Amino acid sequence: MSDIIGSNPEVLGRKPIIKGTRIPVALIYELIGLNYSISEILEEYPHLNKEIVSKLLEI
């Protein structure tokens, strides 16, 4: 999973983020918990792609 999740002490205090973004992984899980579909998540964050969101759902 390290291919899509990273952390950096200078970005969000080292919280897990989606690599190449400042989007916390927890935010995507929160949206999923609120019953957002993958399509809705991609509308909110168009620089993500379906593959990334799908991989997060597999965790």
N, C-alpha and C. Protein backbone atom coordinates (compact mmCIF):
# COMPACT_ATOMS: atom_id res chain seq x y z
N MET A 1 0.82 -1.19 0.00
CA MET A 1 0.00 0.00 0.00
C MET A 1 0.86 1.25 0.00
N SER A 2 2.14 1.09 0.29
CA SER A 2 3.02 2.26 0.33
C SER A 2 3.14 2.96 -1.02
N ASP A 3 2.60 2.33 -2.07
CA ASP A 3 2.65 2.98 -3.37
C ASP A 3 1.64 4.11 -3.49
N ILE A 4 0.62 4.15 -2.59
CA ILE A 4 -0.35 5.24 -2.65
C ILE A 4 -0.46 6.03 -1.35
N ILE A 5 0.05 5.47 -0.25
CA ILE A 5 -0.04 6.16 1.04
C ILE A 5 1.35 6.54 1.50
N GLY A 6 1.47 7.77 1.95
CA GLY A 6 2.75 8.24 2.46
C GLY A 6 2.52 9.17 3.63
N SER A 7 3.61 9.65 4.19
CA SER A 7 3.52 10.67 5.24
C SER A 7 4.78 11.52 5.16
N ASN A 8 4.64 12.73 5.63
CA ASN A 8 5.74 13.68 5.57
C ASN A 8 5.57 14.58 6.79
N PRO A 9 6.63 14.78 7.56
CA PRO A 9 6.50 15.61 8.75
C PRO A 9 6.09 17.05 8.45
N GLU A 10 6.29 17.48 7.22
CA GLU A 10 5.95 18.85 6.86
C GLU A 10 4.56 18.97 6.22
N VAL A 11 3.87 17.84 6.08
CA VAL A 11 2.53 17.84 5.49
C VAL A 11 1.57 17.21 6.50
N LEU A 12 0.67 18.01 7.01
CA LEU A 12 -0.36 17.55 7.94
C LEU A 12 0.22 16.81 9.16
N GLY A 13 1.38 17.23 9.60
CA GLY A 13 1.96 16.65 10.81
C GLY A 13 2.20 15.15 10.74
N ARG A 14 2.58 14.68 9.58
CA ARG A 14 2.91 13.27 9.34
C ARG A 14 1.70 12.34 9.33
N LYS A 15 0.49 12.88 9.24
CA LYS A 15 -0.68 12.01 9.10
C LYS A 15 -0.61 11.32 7.75
N PRO A 16 -1.13 10.10 7.65
CA PRO A 16 -1.11 9.40 6.36
C PRO A 16 -1.89 10.19 5.30
N ILE A 17 -1.25 10.38 4.17
CA ILE A 17 -1.86 11.10 3.06
C ILE A 17 -1.76 10.26 1.79
N ILE A 18 -2.55 10.62 0.81
CA ILE A 18 -2.42 9.99 -0.49
C ILE A 18 -1.22 10.64 -1.16
N LYS A 19 -0.26 9.82 -1.55
CA LYS A 19 0.98 10.34 -2.13
C LYS A 19 0.71 11.30 -3.27
N GLY A 20 1.50 12.37 -3.30
CA GLY A 20 1.38 13.36 -4.34
C GLY A 20 0.28 14.37 -4.09
N THR A 21 -0.38 14.25 -2.93
CA THR A 21 -1.45 15.17 -2.58
C THR A 21 -1.28 15.61 -1.13
N ARG A 22 -2.18 16.45 -0.69
CA ARG A 22 -2.27 16.79 0.73
C ARG A 22 -3.57 16.25 1.30
N ILE A 23 -4.14 15.24 0.64
CA ILE A 23 -5.42 14.67 1.06
C ILE A 23 -5.16 13.57 2.09
N PRO A 24 -5.69 13.75 3.30
CA PRO A 24 -5.51 12.70 4.31
C PRO A 24 -6.32 11.45 3.94
N VAL A 25 -5.72 10.31 4.18
CA VAL A 25 -6.40 9.05 3.93
C VAL A 25 -7.68 8.99 4.76
N ALA A 26 -7.62 9.49 5.98
CA ALA A 26 -8.79 9.47 6.86
C ALA A 26 -9.97 10.21 6.25
N LEU A 27 -9.71 11.25 5.49
CA LEU A 27 -10.80 12.00 4.85
C LEU A 27 -11.54 11.13 3.85
N ILE A 28 -10.81 10.36 3.08
CA ILE A 28 -11.46 9.49 2.09
C ILE A 28 -12.31 8.44 2.81
N TYR A 29 -11.77 7.87 3.91
CA TYR A 29 -12.55 6.90 4.68
C TYR A 29 -13.78 7.54 5.30
N GLU A 30 -13.66 8.79 5.71
CA GLU A 30 -14.81 9.51 6.26
C GLU A 30 -15.89 9.67 5.20
N LEU A 31 -15.49 10.04 4.00
CA LEU A 31 -16.46 10.18 2.91
C LEU A 31 -17.14 8.85 2.59
N ILE A 32 -16.35 7.79 2.61
CA ILE A 32 -16.92 6.46 2.37
C ILE A 32 -17.93 6.12 3.47
N GLY A 33 -17.59 6.47 4.71
CA GLY A 33 -18.50 6.24 5.83
C GLY A 33 -19.78 7.05 5.71
N LEU A 34 -19.71 8.16 5.00
CA LEU A 34 -20.89 8.99 4.76
C LEU A 34 -21.64 8.56 3.50
N ASN A 35 -21.28 7.37 3.01
CA ASN A 35 -21.93 6.76 1.83
C ASN A 35 -21.67 7.49 0.53
N TYR A 36 -20.55 8.20 0.43
CA TYR A 36 -20.16 8.77 -0.86
C TYR A 36 -19.76 7.62 -1.78
N SER A 37 -20.15 7.70 -3.02
CA SER A 37 -19.71 6.70 -4.00
C SER A 37 -18.32 7.11 -4.50
N ILE A 38 -17.68 6.19 -5.18
CA ILE A 38 -16.39 6.52 -5.77
C ILE A 38 -16.53 7.69 -6.72
N SER A 39 -17.60 7.70 -7.49
CA SER A 39 -17.84 8.81 -8.44
C SER A 39 -17.95 10.14 -7.71
N GLU A 40 -18.65 10.16 -6.59
CA GLU A 40 -18.80 11.41 -5.83
C GLU A 40 -17.48 11.87 -5.24
N ILE A 41 -16.67 10.92 -4.78
CA ILE A 41 -15.35 11.28 -4.24
C ILE A 41 -14.50 11.88 -5.35
N LEU A 42 -14.55 11.27 -6.53
CA LEU A 42 -13.77 11.78 -7.65
C LEU A 42 -14.26 13.14 -8.12
N GLU A 43 -15.55 13.42 -7.95
CA GLU A 43 -16.06 14.76 -8.28
C GLU A 43 -15.50 15.80 -7.31
N GLU A 44 -15.40 15.43 -6.03
CA GLU A 44 -14.87 16.33 -5.02
C GLU A 44 -13.35 16.51 -5.15
N TYR A 45 -12.67 15.45 -5.56
CA TYR A 45 -11.21 15.46 -5.66
C TYR A 45 -10.80 14.93 -7.05
N PRO A 46 -10.98 15.73 -8.09
CA PRO A 46 -10.76 15.25 -9.46
C PRO A 46 -9.32 14.86 -9.77
N HIS A 47 -8.36 15.29 -8.96
CA HIS A 47 -6.98 14.90 -9.24
C HIS A 47 -6.67 13.49 -8.72
N LEU A 48 -7.63 12.86 -8.00
CA LEU A 48 -7.50 11.45 -7.67
C LEU A 48 -8.02 10.65 -8.85
N ASN A 49 -7.79 9.36 -8.81
CA ASN A 49 -8.38 8.53 -9.86
C ASN A 49 -9.04 7.31 -9.23
N LYS A 50 -9.84 6.64 -10.02
CA LYS A 50 -10.63 5.51 -9.53
C LYS A 50 -9.74 4.42 -8.94
N GLU A 51 -8.58 4.19 -9.53
CA GLU A 51 -7.66 3.15 -9.05
C GLU A 51 -7.22 3.43 -7.61
N ILE A 52 -6.88 4.68 -7.32
CA ILE A 52 -6.42 5.04 -5.97
C ILE A 52 -7.54 4.82 -4.96
N VAL A 53 -8.72 5.31 -5.26
CA VAL A 53 -9.85 5.17 -4.33
C VAL A 53 -10.20 3.70 -4.16
N SER A 54 -10.18 2.94 -5.21
CA SER A 54 -10.48 1.52 -5.14
C SER A 54 -9.46 0.79 -4.27
N LYS A 55 -8.19 1.14 -4.39
CA LYS A 55 -7.15 0.51 -3.55
C LYS A 55 -7.38 0.82 -2.08
N LEU A 56 -7.81 2.05 -1.78
CA LEU A 56 -8.08 2.40 -0.39
C LEU A 56 -9.25 1.58 0.16
N LEU A 57 -10.21 1.27 -0.68
CA LEU A 57 -11.36 0.47 -0.25
C LEU A 57 -10.95 -0.98 0.07
N GLU A 58 -9.85 -1.43 -0.51
CA GLU A 58 -9.38 -2.80 -0.28
C GLU A 58 -8.69 -2.97 1.07
N ILE A 59 -8.30 -1.87 1.67
CA ILE A 59 -7.54 -1.95 2.94
C ILE A 59 -8.48 -2.34 4.06
